[in-house]
């Protein structure tokens, strides 16, 4: 199998363009910025460029001064950036706010079934009673794992793992091994039953990241490893000739979508030699969707659980999106990391 190859300087240059373009966007204290700045943090860690962290710190500090909004399950995704800032600077104020977020999840976030978070956003008009959306695996589940392992807090760790396992139970199809977008616990169904690409990216990326944290002796390790293994085996076989994935994974008439492709490709890349040929195609495809000004193109707009396949196919992909920037940066950071963990 051929080795995965890339031009290191080219990747660093692309990262820099994407980071600069991201900071020319305007974000509130909510999940679009949470994902975008998670990507910036990944870029900082992979490149060591202090100016990325400094720009993020300025944004966070200004928002702290202005006062933070009411929390939601999606909104705690900003906590990813707070954890990185705390690790890099040692400033306790960042950890204090991250702990507030974790405590919100512990004590106030709506749950159903065996403690699974109900999908909530900051909008007061959008309510999804007893619905699990796959997004939560990144927004809250992975956040709880990160802060739990950073603090040595087993309560946070076990709650994070509960989210992984609960979402697997309700969302991963046992025949295809792909993840549905959502689950309606009231009606006991997966609503439109669509295998949405970005949803599978949230699942794959956060499971791959979790396996870097969870002890191999913990029973959850093999549960997550098995779910991810089977999901990726299905996903690589759905990769398009362009190296990307369709927004409805099993519908080749749906458009190729970059944010999903980046999240999936990052998880694929973390498997090393096993998927080298798929990783090479993905790199070419994703780079082809990043414009000279750092805009990650062909990223679908914010997407609810749509009524049917056509609903997903009609979601616009015209404009720059924070989650597109962030997931592309997370992927490109993983590309750089392969320099220190080569496979071929």
C-alpha atoms as a PDB file:
ATOM      1  CA  UNK A   1       0.000   0.000   0.000  1.00  0.00           C
ATOM      2  CA  UNK A   2       1.491   3.416  -0.956  1.00  0.00           C
ATOM      3  CA  UNK A   3       2.538   5.792   1.803  1.00  0.00           C
ATOM      4  CA  UNK A   4       0.497   8.868   2.721  1.00  0.00           C
ATOM      5  CA  UNK A   5       2.448  11.876   1.446  1.00  0.00           C
ATOM      6  CA  UNK A   6       2.007  15.626   1.673  1.00  0.00           C
ATOM      7  CA  UNK A   7       3.910  18.884   1.324  1.00  0.00           C
ATOM      8  CA  UNK A   8       4.399  20.109   4.897  1.00  0.00           C
ATOM      9  CA  UNK A   9       4.903  23.747   3.953  1.00  0.00           C
ATOM     10  CA  UNK A  10       1.828  23.716   1.749  1.00  0.00           C
ATOM     11  CA  UNK A  11      -0.294  22.377   4.601  1.00  0.00           C
ATOM     12  CA  UNK A  12       1.051  24.999   6.990  1.00  0.00           C
ATOM     13  CA  UNK A  13       0.342  27.735   4.437  1.00  0.00           C
ATOM     14  CA  UNK A  14      -3.214  26.497   3.928  1.00  0.00           C
ATOM     15  CA  UNK A  15      -3.768  26.321   7.690  1.00  0.00           C
ATOM     16  CA  UNK A  16      -2.575  29.898   8.027  1.00  0.00           C
ATOM     17  CA  UNK A  17      -4.972  31.114   5.346  1.00  0.00           C
ATOM     18  CA  UNK A  18      -7.893  29.276   6.926  1.00  0.00           C
ATOM     19  CA  UNK A  19      -7.092  30.611  10.406  1.00  0.00           C
ATOM     20  CA  UNK A  20      -6.810  34.180   9.133  1.00  0.00           C
ATOM     21  CA  UNK A  21     -10.128  33.887   7.281  1.00  0.00           C
ATOM     22  CA  UNK A  22     -11.781  32.414  10.376  1.00  0.00           C
ATOM     23  CA  UNK A  23     -10.819  35.429  12.463  1.00  0.00           C
ATOM     24  CA  UNK A  24     -12.425  37.687   9.850  1.00  0.00           C
ATOM     25  CA  UNK A  25     -15.758  36.085  10.744  1.00  0.00           C
ATOM     26  CA  UNK A  26     -18.015  37.214  13.591  1.00  0.00           C
ATOM     27  CA  UNK A  27     -19.119  34.669  16.174  1.00  0.00           C
ATOM     28  CA  UNK A  28     -21.340  34.730  19.228  1.00  0.00           C
ATOM     29  CA  UNK A  29     -20.652  32.527  22.257  1.00  0.00           C
ATOM     30  CA  UNK A  30     -22.237  29.486  20.647  1.00  0.00           C
ATOM     31  CA  UNK A  31     -21.488  26.324  18.688  1.00  0.00           C
ATOM     32  CA  UNK A  32     -20.433  27.833  15.308  1.00  0.00           C
ATOM     33  CA  UNK A  33     -17.614  29.612  17.120  1.00  0.00           C
ATOM     34  CA  UNK A  34     -17.111  26.582  19.328  1.00  0.00           C
ATOM     35  CA  UNK A  35     -16.278  24.407  16.340  1.00  0.00           C
ATOM     36  CA  UNK A  36     -14.356  27.113  14.489  1.00  0.00           C
ATOM     37  CA  UNK A  37     -12.127  27.832  17.475  1.00  0.00           C
ATOM     38  CA  UNK A  38     -11.680  24.161  18.272  1.00  0.00           C
ATOM     39  CA  UNK A  39     -10.086  23.991  14.837  1.00  0.00           C
ATOM     40  CA  UNK A  40      -7.939  27.020  15.609  1.00  0.00           C
ATOM     41  CA  UNK A  41      -6.754  25.297  18.801  1.00  0.00           C
ATOM     42  CA  UNK A  42      -5.885  22.181  16.825  1.00  0.00           C
ATOM     43  CA  UNK A  43      -3.974  24.362  14.349  1.00  0.00           C
ATOM     44  CA  UNK A  44      -2.097  26.025  17.205  1.00  0.00           C
ATOM     45  CA  UNK A  45      -1.113  22.698  18.732  1.00  0.00           C
ATOM     46  CA  UNK A  46       0.013  21.256  15.397  1.00  0.00           C
ATOM     47  CA  UNK A  47       1.980  24.306  14.206  1.00  0.00           C
ATOM     48  CA  UNK A  48       3.059  25.969  17.452  1.00  0.00           C
ATOM     49  CA  UNK A  49       2.104  29.394  16.055  1.00  0.00           C
ATOM     50  CA  UNK A  50       1.442  31.499  19.134  1.00  0.00           C
ATOM     51  CA  UNK A  51      -0.452  34.170  17.195  1.00  0.00           C
ATOM     52  CA  UNK A  52      -3.335  31.739  16.677  1.00  0.00           C
ATOM     53  CA  UNK A  53      -3.728  31.297  20.414  1.00  0.00           C
ATOM     54  CA  UNK A  54      -3.291  35.034  21.064  1.00  0.00           C
ATOM     55  CA  UNK A  55      -6.104  35.927  18.672  1.00  0.00           C
ATOM     56  CA  UNK A  56      -8.362  33.346  20.283  1.00  0.00           C
ATOM     57  CA  UNK A  57      -7.492  34.580  23.769  1.00  0.00           C
ATOM     58  CA  UNK A  58      -8.430  38.136  22.763  1.00  0.00           C
ATOM     59  CA  UNK A  59     -11.817  36.967  21.483  1.00  0.00           C
ATOM     60  CA  UNK A  60     -12.545  34.898  24.597  1.00  0.00           C
ATOM     61  CA  UNK A  61     -11.451  37.643  27.001  1.00  0.00           C
ATOM     62  CA  UNK A  62     -13.652  40.218  25.274  1.00  0.00           C
ATOM     63  CA  UNK A  63     -16.651  37.912  25.550  1.00  0.00           C
ATOM     64  CA  UNK A  64     -15.968  37.222  29.218  1.00  0.00           C
ATOM     65  CA  UNK A  65     -15.977  40.965  29.925  1.00  0.00           C
ATOM     66  CA  UNK A  66     -19.260  41.440  28.044  1.00  0.00           C
ATOM     67  CA  UNK A  67     -20.916  38.635  29.992  1.00  0.00           C
ATOM     68  CA  UNK A  68     -21.723  35.112  28.873  1.00  0.00           C
ATOM     69  CA  UNK A  69     -25.151  33.946  27.668  1.00  0.00           C
ATOM     70  CA  UNK A  70     -27.339  31.181  29.006  1.00  0.00           C
ATOM     71  CA  UNK A  71     -25.803  27.780  28.336  1.00  0.00           C
ATOM     72  CA  UNK A  72     -27.097  24.986  26.129  1.00  0.00           C
ATOM     73  CA  UNK A  73     -25.793  21.533  25.222  1.00  0.00           C
ATOM     74  CA  UNK A  74     -24.497  22.842  21.892  1.00  0.00           C
ATOM     75  CA  UNK A  75     -23.185  26.032  23.476  1.00  0.00           C
ATOM     76  CA  UNK A  76     -20.718  24.266  25.765  1.00  0.00           C
ATOM     77  CA  UNK A  77     -18.608  23.506  22.669  1.00  0.00           C
ATOM     78  CA  UNK A  78     -16.833  26.811  23.373  1.00  0.00           C
ATOM     79  CA  UNK A  79     -15.411  24.907  26.338  1.00  0.00           C
ATOM     80  CA  UNK A  80     -12.999  23.115  24.011  1.00  0.00           C
ATOM     81  CA  UNK A  81     -11.200  26.422  23.446  1.00  0.00           C
ATOM     82  CA  UNK A  82     -11.250  27.236  27.162  1.00  0.00           C
ATOM     83  CA  UNK A  83      -9.493  23.969  27.958  1.00  0.00           C
ATOM     84  CA  UNK A  84      -6.773  24.656  25.400  1.00  0.00           C
ATOM     85  CA  UNK A  85      -6.321  28.210  26.684  1.00  0.00           C
ATOM     86  CA  UNK A  86      -6.023  26.924  30.244  1.00  0.00           C
ATOM     87  CA  UNK A  87      -3.453  24.311  29.244  1.00  0.00           C
ATOM     88  CA  UNK A  88      -1.421  26.869  27.293  1.00  0.00           C
ATOM     89  CA  UNK A  89      -1.583  29.813  29.704  1.00  0.00           C
ATOM     90  CA  UNK A  90      -2.354  28.324  33.113  1.00  0.00           C
ATOM     91  CA  UNK A  91      -4.936  31.073  33.701  1.00  0.00           C
ATOM     92  CA  UNK A  92      -7.562  29.714  36.084  1.00  0.00           C
ATOM     93  CA  UNK A  93     -10.397  31.878  34.734  1.00  0.00           C
ATOM     94  CA  UNK A  94     -10.611  29.693  31.640  1.00  0.00           C
ATOM     95  CA  UNK A  95     -10.891  26.516  33.667  1.00  0.00           C
ATOM     96  CA  UNK A  96     -13.424  28.125  36.004  1.00  0.00           C
ATOM     97  CA  UNK A  97     -15.788  28.812  33.098  1.00  0.00           C
ATOM     98  CA  UNK A  98     -15.193  25.341  31.651  1.00  0.00           C
ATOM     99  CA  UNK A  99     -16.152  23.861  35.040  1.00  0.00           C
ATOM    100  CA  UNK A 100     -19.337  25.975  35.015  1.00  0.00           C
ATOM    101  CA  UNK A 101     -20.153  24.389  31.665  1.00  0.00           C
ATOM    102  CA  UNK A 102     -19.481  20.890  32.945  1.00  0.00           C
ATOM    103  CA  UNK A 103     -21.624  21.566  36.007  1.00  0.00           C
ATOM    104  CA  UNK A 104     -24.413  22.878  33.778  1.00  0.00           C
ATOM    105  CA  UNK A 105     -24.325  19.598  31.890  1.00  0.00           C
ATOM    106  CA  UNK A 106     -24.307  17.637  35.144  1.00  0.00           C
ATOM    107  CA  UNK A 107     -27.084  19.479  36.921  1.00  0.00           C
ATOM    108  CA  UNK A 108     -29.255  21.423  34.490  1.00  0.00           C
ATOM    109  CA  UNK A 109     -29.118  20.006  30.963  1.00  0.00           C
ATOM    110  CA  UNK A 110     -32.279  18.177  29.910  1.00  0.00           C
ATOM    111  CA  UNK A 111     -31.885  14.392  29.697  1.00  0.00           C
ATOM    112  CA  UNK A 112     -33.925  11.343  28.757  1.00  0.00           C
ATOM    113  CA  UNK A 113     -33.619   7.542  28.810  1.00  0.00           C
ATOM    114  CA  UNK A 114     -30.519   6.584  30.807  1.00  0.00           C
ATOM    115  CA  UNK A 115     -29.155  10.102  31.126  1.00  0.00           C
ATOM    116  CA  UNK A 116     -28.692  11.032  27.465  1.00  0.00           C
ATOM    117  CA  UNK A 117     -28.611  14.761  26.764  1.00  0.00           C
ATOM    118  CA  UNK A 118     -31.565  16.200  24.907  1.00  0.00           C
ATOM    119  CA  UNK A 119     -30.315  18.274  22.001  1.00  0.00           C
ATOM    120  CA  UNK A 120     -30.569  21.950  22.967  1.00  0.00           C
ATOM    121  CA  UNK A 121     -29.365  25.153  21.356  1.00  0.00           C
ATOM    122  CA  UNK A 122     -29.258  28.747  22.565  1.00  0.00           C
ATOM    123  CA  UNK A 123     -32.410  29.734  20.667  1.00  0.00           C
ATOM    124  CA  UNK A 124     -35.417  29.777  22.986  1.00  0.00           C
ATOM    125  CA  UNK A 125     -37.744  28.974  20.071  1.00  0.00           C
ATOM    126  CA  UNK A 126     -36.036  25.721  19.062  1.00  0.00           C
ATOM    127  CA  UNK A 127     -37.042  22.858  21.355  1.00  0.00           C
ATOM    128  CA  UNK A 128     -36.459  19.193  20.544  1.00  0.00           C
ATOM    129  CA  UNK A 129     -38.108  17.185  23.357  1.00  0.00           C
ATOM    130  CA  UNK A 130     -36.338  13.900  24.117  1.00  0.00           C
ATOM    131  CA  UNK A 131     -34.344  14.028  20.896  1.00  0.00           C
ATOM    132  CA  UNK A 132     -30.727  12.918  20.609  1.00  0.00           C
ATOM    133  CA  UNK A 133     -28.726  14.480  17.782  1.00  0.00           C
ATOM    134  CA  UNK A 134     -25.343  13.080  16.827  1.00  0.00           C
ATOM    135  CA  UNK A 135     -23.818  16.583  17.129  1.00  0.00           C
ATOM    136  CA  UNK A 136     -23.890  16.165  20.915  1.00  0.00           C
ATOM    137  CA  UNK A 137     -21.076  13.619  20.774  1.00  0.00           C
ATOM    138  CA  UNK A 138     -18.695  16.461  19.861  1.00  0.00           C
ATOM    139  CA  UNK A 139     -20.358  19.421  21.547  1.00  0.00           C
ATOM    140  CA  UNK A 140     -20.823  17.895  25.003  1.00  0.00           C
ATOM    141  CA  UNK A 141     -19.677  14.270  25.146  1.00  0.00           C
ATOM    142  CA  UNK A 142     -16.124  14.894  23.992  1.00  0.00           C
ATOM    143  CA  UNK A 143     -15.945  18.085  26.078  1.00  0.00           C
ATOM    144  CA  UNK A 144     -16.802  16.116  29.219  1.00  0.00           C
ATOM    145  CA  UNK A 145     -14.103  13.570  28.401  1.00  0.00           C
ATOM    146  CA  UNK A 146     -11.510  16.281  27.861  1.00  0.00           C
ATOM    147  CA  UNK A 147     -12.226  18.201  31.045  1.00  0.00           C
ATOM    148  CA  UNK A 148     -12.648  14.983  32.995  1.00  0.00           C
ATOM    149  CA  UNK A 149      -9.225  13.660  32.049  1.00  0.00           C
ATOM    150  CA  UNK A 150      -7.609  17.066  32.505  1.00  0.00           C
ATOM    151  CA  UNK A 151      -8.958  17.371  36.055  1.00  0.00           C
ATOM    152  CA  UNK A 152      -8.924  13.687  36.939  1.00  0.00           C
ATOM    153  CA  UNK A 153     -12.689  13.924  37.518  1.00  0.00           C
ATOM    154  CA  UNK A 154     -14.231  10.469  37.054  1.00  0.00           C
ATOM    155  CA  UNK A 155     -17.791  11.841  37.244  1.00  0.00           C
ATOM    156  CA  UNK A 156     -17.227  13.957  34.141  1.00  0.00           C
ATOM    157  CA  UNK A 157     -15.431  11.096  32.382  1.00  0.00           C
ATOM    158  CA  UNK A 158     -18.178   8.573  33.022  1.00  0.00           C
ATOM    159  CA  UNK A 159     -20.879  11.037  31.969  1.00  0.00           C
ATOM    160  CA  UNK A 160     -18.994  11.744  28.757  1.00  0.00           C
ATOM    161  CA  UNK A 161     -18.763   8.025  28.078  1.00  0.00           C
ATOM    162  CA  UNK A 162     -22.482   7.683  28.816  1.00  0.00           C
ATOM    163  CA  UNK A 163     -23.141  10.116  25.976  1.00  0.00           C
ATOM    164  CA  UNK A 164     -20.957   8.139  23.572  1.00  0.00           C
ATOM    165  CA  UNK A 165     -22.651   4.855  24.420  1.00  0.00           C
ATOM    166  CA  UNK A 166     -26.185   6.280  24.459  1.00  0.00           C
ATOM    167  CA  UNK A 167     -25.774   7.934  21.093  1.00  0.00           C
ATOM    168  CA  UNK A 168     -24.313   4.736  19.668  1.00  0.00           C
ATOM    169  CA  UNK A 169     -27.302   2.796  21.003  1.00  0.00           C
ATOM    170  CA  UNK A 170     -29.868   5.117  19.460  1.00  0.00           C
ATOM    171  CA  UNK A 171     -28.088   6.313  16.327  1.00  0.00           C
ATOM    172  CA  UNK A 172     -25.756   3.666  14.890  1.00  0.00           C
ATOM    173  CA  UNK A 173     -27.536   1.395  12.432  1.00  0.00           C
ATOM    174  CA  UNK A 174     -26.557  -2.217  13.086  1.00  0.00           C
ATOM    175  CA  UNK A 175     -26.706  -3.203   9.416  1.00  0.00           C
ATOM    176  CA  UNK A 176     -24.879  -0.306   7.740  1.00  0.00           C
ATOM    177  CA  UNK A 177     -22.837   0.800  10.821  1.00  0.00           C
ATOM    178  CA  UNK A 178     -23.502   4.403   9.787  1.00  0.00           C
ATOM    179  CA  UNK A 179     -24.943   6.932  12.243  1.00  0.00           C
ATOM    180  CA  UNK A 180     -28.371   8.476  11.832  1.00  0.00           C
ATOM    181  CA  UNK A 181     -28.697  12.218  12.391  1.00  0.00           C
ATOM    182  CA  UNK A 182     -31.203  11.956  15.210  1.00  0.00           C
ATOM    183  CA  UNK A 183     -33.401   9.881  17.501  1.00  0.00           C
ATOM    184  CA  UNK A 184     -36.887  10.777  18.750  1.00  0.00           C
ATOM    185  CA  UNK A 185     -37.366   8.992  22.059  1.00  0.00           C
ATOM    186  CA  UNK A 186     -41.027   9.989  22.319  1.00  0.00           C
ATOM    187  CA  UNK A 187     -41.902   8.340  19.008  1.00  0.00           C
ATOM    188  CA  UNK A 188     -39.142   5.705  19.220  1.00  0.00           C
ATOM    189  CA  UNK A 189     -37.725   6.317  15.762  1.00  0.00           C
ATOM    190  CA  UNK A 190     -34.852   7.959  13.880  1.00  0.00           C
ATOM    191  CA  UNK A 191     -37.193  10.495  12.310  1.00  0.00           C
ATOM    192  CA  UNK A 192     -36.236  10.799   8.628  1.00  0.00           C
ATOM    193  CA  UNK A 193     -33.710   7.984   9.030  1.00  0.00           C
ATOM    194  CA  UNK A 194     -31.022   9.716   6.970  1.00  0.00           C
ATOM    195  CA  UNK A 195     -27.299   8.972   7.181  1.00  0.00           C
ATOM    196  CA  UNK A 196     -26.126  12.567   7.177  1.00  0.00           C
ATOM    197  CA  UNK A 197     -22.446  13.010   6.428  1.00  0.00           C
ATOM    198  CA  UNK A 198     -21.574  15.744   8.930  1.00  0.00           C
ATOM    199  CA  UNK A 199     -23.347  13.792  11.636  1.00  0.00           C
ATOM    200  CA  UNK A 200     -21.129  10.813  10.869  1.00  0.00           C
ATOM    201  CA  UNK A 201     -18.142  13.165  10.981  1.00  0.00           C
ATOM    202  CA  UNK A 202     -19.089  14.320  14.500  1.00  0.00           C
ATOM    203  CA  UNK A 203     -19.286  10.691  15.584  1.00  0.00           C
ATOM    204  CA  UNK A 204     -16.140   9.444  13.858  1.00  0.00           C
ATOM    205  CA  UNK A 205     -13.883  12.335  14.857  1.00  0.00           C
ATOM    206  CA  UNK A 206     -14.906  12.351  18.499  1.00  0.00           C
ATOM    207  CA  UNK A 207     -14.641   8.575  18.827  1.00  0.00           C
ATOM    208  CA  UNK A 208     -11.163   8.663  17.287  1.00  0.00           C
ATOM    209  CA  UNK A 209     -10.184  11.409  19.723  1.00  0.00           C
ATOM    210  CA  UNK A 210     -11.717   9.563  22.675  1.00  0.00           C
ATOM    211  CA  UNK A 211      -9.529   6.535  22.010  1.00  0.00           C
ATOM    212  CA  UNK A 212      -6.510   8.778  22.685  1.00  0.00           C
ATOM    213  CA  UNK A 213      -7.882   9.508  26.169  1.00  0.00           C
ATOM    214  CA  UNK A 214      -9.755   6.460  27.449  1.00  0.00           C
ATOM    215  CA  UNK A 215      -7.635   3.820  29.146  1.00  0.00           C
ATOM    216  CA  UNK A 216      -7.426   0.594  27.153  1.00  0.00           C
ATOM    217  CA  UNK A 217      -8.338  -1.259  30.360  1.00  0.00           C
ATOM    218  CA  UNK A 218     -11.618   0.677  30.669  1.00  0.00           C
ATOM    219  CA  UNK A 219     -14.589  -1.350  29.326  1.00  0.00           C
ATOM    220  CA  UNK A 220     -15.652   1.667  27.267  1.00  0.00           C
ATOM    221  CA  UNK A 221     -12.482   1.576  25.182  1.00  0.00           C
ATOM    222  CA  UNK A 222     -13.462  -1.537  23.244  1.00  0.00           C
ATOM    223  CA  UNK A 223     -17.067  -0.377  22.869  1.00  0.00           C
ATOM    224  CA  UNK A 224     -15.947   2.874  21.257  1.00  0.00           C
ATOM    225  CA  UNK A 225     -13.230   1.148  19.262  1.00  0.00           C
ATOM    226  CA  UNK A 226     -15.730  -1.335  17.851  1.00  0.00           C
ATOM    227  CA  UNK A 227     -18.250   1.333  16.911  1.00  0.00           C
ATOM    228  CA  UNK A 228     -15.617   3.442  15.174  1.00  0.00           C
ATOM    229  CA  UNK A 229     -13.994   0.463  13.445  1.00  0.00           C
ATOM    230  CA  UNK A 230     -17.242  -0.639  11.868  1.00  0.00           C
ATOM    231  CA  UNK A 231     -18.333   2.890  11.000  1.00  0.00           C
ATOM    232  CA  UNK A 232     -15.062   3.696   9.226  1.00  0.00           C
ATOM    233  CA  UNK A 233     -15.135   0.422   7.312  1.00  0.00           C
ATOM    234  CA  UNK A 234     -18.478   1.562   5.909  1.00  0.00           C
ATOM    235  CA  UNK A 235     -17.452   5.168   5.362  1.00  0.00           C
ATOM    236  CA  UNK A 236     -14.309   4.539   3.322  1.00  0.00           C
ATOM    237  CA  UNK A 237     -16.370   2.495   0.880  1.00  0.00           C
ATOM    238  CA  UNK A 238     -18.651   5.496   0.360  1.00  0.00           C
ATOM    239  CA  UNK A 239     -15.811   7.905  -0.485  1.00  0.00           C
ATOM    240  CA  UNK A 240     -16.326   9.511  -3.884  1.00  0.00           C
ATOM    241  CA  UNK A 241     -13.704   9.440  -6.672  1.00  0.00           C
ATOM    242  CA  UNK A 242     -12.979  13.080  -5.749  1.00  0.00           C
ATOM    243  CA  UNK A 243     -11.924  11.950  -2.270  1.00  0.00           C
ATOM    244  CA  UNK A 244     -14.933  13.539  -0.542  1.00  0.00           C
ATOM    245  CA  UNK A 245     -18.224  12.305   0.896  1.00  0.00           C
ATOM    246  CA  UNK A 246     -21.780  13.087  -0.176  1.00  0.00           C
ATOM    247  CA  UNK A 247     -23.946  15.050   2.256  1.00  0.00           C
ATOM    248  CA  UNK A 248     -26.327  12.059   2.281  1.00  0.00           C
ATOM    249  CA  UNK A 249     -23.749   9.344   2.528  1.00  0.00           C
ATOM    250  CA  UNK A 250     -25.550   6.648   0.597  1.00  0.00           C
ATOM    251  CA  UNK A 251     -27.037   8.938  -2.063  1.00  0.00           C
ATOM    252  CA  UNK A 252     -24.523   9.739  -4.806  1.00  0.00           C
ATOM    253  CA  UNK A 253     -26.942  12.298  -6.271  1.00  0.00           C
ATOM    254  CA  UNK A 254     -26.488  14.486  -3.185  1.00  0.00           C
ATOM    255  CA  UNK A 255     -23.694  17.043  -3.259  1.00  0.00           C
ATOM    256  CA  UNK A 256     -20.161  16.539  -1.960  1.00  0.00           C
ATOM    257  CA  UNK A 257     -19.793  18.321   1.381  1.00  0.00           C
ATOM    258  CA  UNK A 258     -16.479  19.597   2.726  1.00  0.00           C
ATOM    259  CA  UNK A 259     -16.995  19.892   6.494  1.00  0.00           C
ATOM    260  CA  UNK A 260     -18.213  16.309   6.739  1.00  0.00           C
ATOM    261  CA  UNK A 261     -15.387  15.141   4.505  1.00  0.00           C
ATOM    262  CA  UNK A 262     -12.834  16.876   6.739  1.00  0.00           C
ATOM    263  CA  UNK A 263     -14.203  15.357   9.942  1.00  0.00           C
ATOM    264  CA  UNK A 264     -14.438  11.886   8.452  1.00  0.00           C
ATOM    265  CA  UNK A 265     -11.011  12.199   6.836  1.00  0.00           C
ATOM    266  CA  UNK A 266      -9.442  13.185  10.166  1.00  0.00           C
ATOM    267  CA  UNK A 267     -10.790  10.019  11.794  1.00  0.00           C
ATOM    268  CA  UNK A 268      -9.672   7.930   8.811  1.00  0.00           C
ATOM    269  CA  UNK A 269      -6.206   9.478   8.938  1.00  0.00           C
ATOM    270  CA  UNK A 270      -5.871   8.624  12.632  1.00  0.00           C
ATOM    271  CA  UNK A 271      -6.128   4.925  11.706  1.00  0.00           C
ATOM    272  CA  UNK A 272      -2.728   5.142  10.001  1.00  0.00           C
ATOM    273  CA  UNK A 273      -1.538   2.608   7.460  1.00  0.00           C
ATOM    274  CA  UNK A 274      -4.876   0.795   7.299  1.00  0.00           C
ATOM    275  CA  UNK A 275      -6.521   3.535   5.270  1.00  0.00           C
ATOM    276  CA  UNK A 276      -3.578   5.264   3.583  1.00  0.00           C
ATOM    277  CA  UNK A 277      -5.038   5.169   0.080  1.00  0.00           C
ATOM    278  CA  UNK A 278      -8.302   6.726   1.249  1.00  0.00           C
ATOM    279  CA  UNK A 279      -6.392   9.372   3.184  1.00  0.00           C
ATOM    280  CA  UNK A 280      -4.441  10.407   0.110  1.00  0.00           C
ATOM    281  CA  UNK A 281      -7.602  10.872  -1.940  1.00  0.00           C
ATOM    282  CA  UNK A 282      -9.240  12.811   0.900  1.00  0.00           C
ATOM    283  CA  UNK A 283      -6.308  15.208   1.163  1.00  0.00           C
ATOM    284  CA  UNK A 284      -6.488  16.037  -2.512  1.00  0.00           C
ATOM    285  CA  UNK A 285     -10.234  16.527  -2.376  1.00  0.00           C
ATOM    286  CA  UNK A 286     -10.263  18.734   0.714  1.00  0.00           C
ATOM    287  CA  UNK A 287      -7.409  20.949  -0.476  1.00  0.00           C
ATOM    288  CA  UNK A 288      -9.287  21.480  -3.732  1.00  0.00           C
ATOM    289  CA  UNK A 289     -12.192  22.987  -1.742  1.00  0.00           C
ATOM    290  CA  UNK A 290     -10.130  25.584   0.152  1.00  0.00           C
ATOM    291  CA  UNK A 291     -10.011  28.908  -1.626  1.00  0.00           C
ATOM    292  CA  UNK A 292      -7.002  31.190  -1.846  1.00  0.00           C
ATOM    293  CA  UNK A 293      -8.488  33.537   0.777  1.00  0.00           C
ATOM    294  CA  UNK A 294      -8.852  30.660   3.291  1.00  0.00           C
ATOM    295  CA  UNK A 295     -12.565  30.073   2.827  1.00  0.00           C
ATOM    296  CA  UNK A 296     -13.539  26.427   3.106  1.00  0.00           C
ATOM    297  CA  UNK A 297     -16.062  26.050   0.288  1.00  0.00           C
ATOM    298  CA  UNK A 298     -19.024  23.711  -0.267  1.00  0.00           C
ATOM    299  CA  UNK A 299     -19.999  23.542   3.409  1.00  0.00           C
ATOM    300  CA  UNK A 300     -23.666  22.950   4.154  1.00  0.00           C
ATOM    301  CA  UNK A 301     -25.508  25.460   6.309  1.00  0.00           C
ATOM    302  CA  UNK A 302     -26.733  24.615   9.790  1.00  0.00           C
ATOM    303  CA  UNK A 303     -28.908  21.544   9.402  1.00  0.00           C
ATOM    304  CA  UNK A 304     -31.789  20.345  11.538  1.00  0.00           C
ATOM    305  CA  UNK A 305     -33.019  16.774  11.279  1.00  0.00           C
ATOM    306  CA  UNK A 306     -34.741  17.273   7.948  1.00  0.00           C
ATOM    307  CA  UNK A 307     -38.026  15.648   6.963  1.00  0.00           C
ATOM    308  CA  UNK A 308     -36.563  13.543   4.155  1.00  0.00           C
ATOM    309  CA  UNK A 309     -33.524  13.007   1.923  1.00  0.00           C
ATOM    310  CA  UNK A 310     -34.516  15.883  -0.345  1.00  0.00           C
ATOM    311  CA  UNK A 311     -34.414  18.229   2.631  1.00  0.00           C
ATOM    312  CA  UNK A 312     -30.725  17.466   3.153  1.00  0.00           C
ATOM    313  CA  UNK A 313     -29.958  17.750  -0.552  1.00  0.00           C
ATOM    314  CA  UNK A 314     -31.517  21.211  -0.641  1.00  0.00           C
ATOM    315  CA  UNK A 315     -29.571  22.669   2.298  1.00  0.00           C
ATOM    316  CA  UNK A 316     -27.517  25.562   0.935  1.00  0.00           C
ATOM    317  CA  UNK A 317     -23.729  25.298   0.670  1.00  0.00           C
ATOM    318  CA  UNK A 318     -23.009  28.749  -0.681  1.00  0.00           C
ATOM    319  CA  UNK A 319     -21.549  30.567   2.320  1.00  0.00           C
ATOM    320  CA  UNK A 320     -18.598  30.290   4.669  1.00  0.00           C
ATOM    321  CA  UNK A 321     -19.453  28.517   7.939  1.00  0.00           C
ATOM    322  CA  UNK A 322     -17.613  28.325  11.250  1.00  0.00           C
ATOM    323  CA  UNK A 323     -17.953  24.551  11.414  1.00  0.00           C
ATOM    324  CA  UNK A 324     -16.466  24.237   7.951  1.00  0.00           C
ATOM    325  CA  UNK A 325     -13.444  26.286   8.958  1.00  0.00           C
ATOM    326  CA  UNK A 326     -13.043  24.399  12.227  1.00  0.00           C
ATOM    327  CA  UNK A 327     -13.360  20.887  10.866  1.00  0.00           C
ATOM    328  CA  UNK A 328     -10.983  21.670   8.001  1.00  0.00           C
ATOM    329  CA  UNK A 329      -8.412  22.970  10.499  1.00  0.00           C
ATOM    330  CA  UNK A 330      -8.865  19.900  12.703  1.00  0.00           C
ATOM    331  CA  UNK A 331      -8.206  17.724   9.667  1.00  0.00           C
ATOM    332  CA  UNK A 332      -5.170  19.674   8.453  1.00  0.00           C
ATOM    333  CA  UNK A 333      -3.718  19.554  11.971  1.00  0.00           C
ATOM    334  CA  UNK A 334      -3.987  15.750  11.851  1.00  0.00           C
ATOM    335  CA  UNK A 335      -2.192  15.786   8.506  1.00  0.00           C
ATOM    336  CA  UNK A 336       0.737  17.620  10.107  1.00  0.00           C
ATOM    337  CA  UNK A 337       0.756  15.250  13.058  1.00  0.00           C
ATOM    338  CA  UNK A 338       1.464  12.317  10.749  1.00  0.00           C
ATOM    339  CA  UNK A 339       4.962  13.767  10.340  1.00  0.00           C
ATOM    340  CA  UNK A 340       5.705  12.689  13.915  1.00  0.00           C
ATOM    341  CA  UNK A 341       3.721   9.463  13.569  1.00  0.00           C
ATOM    342  CA  UNK A 342       4.456   8.413   9.997  1.00  0.00           C
ATOM    343  CA  UNK A 343       2.939   5.428   8.330  1.00  0.00           C
ATOM    344  CA  UNK A 344       3.644   3.956   4.963  1.00  0.00           C
END
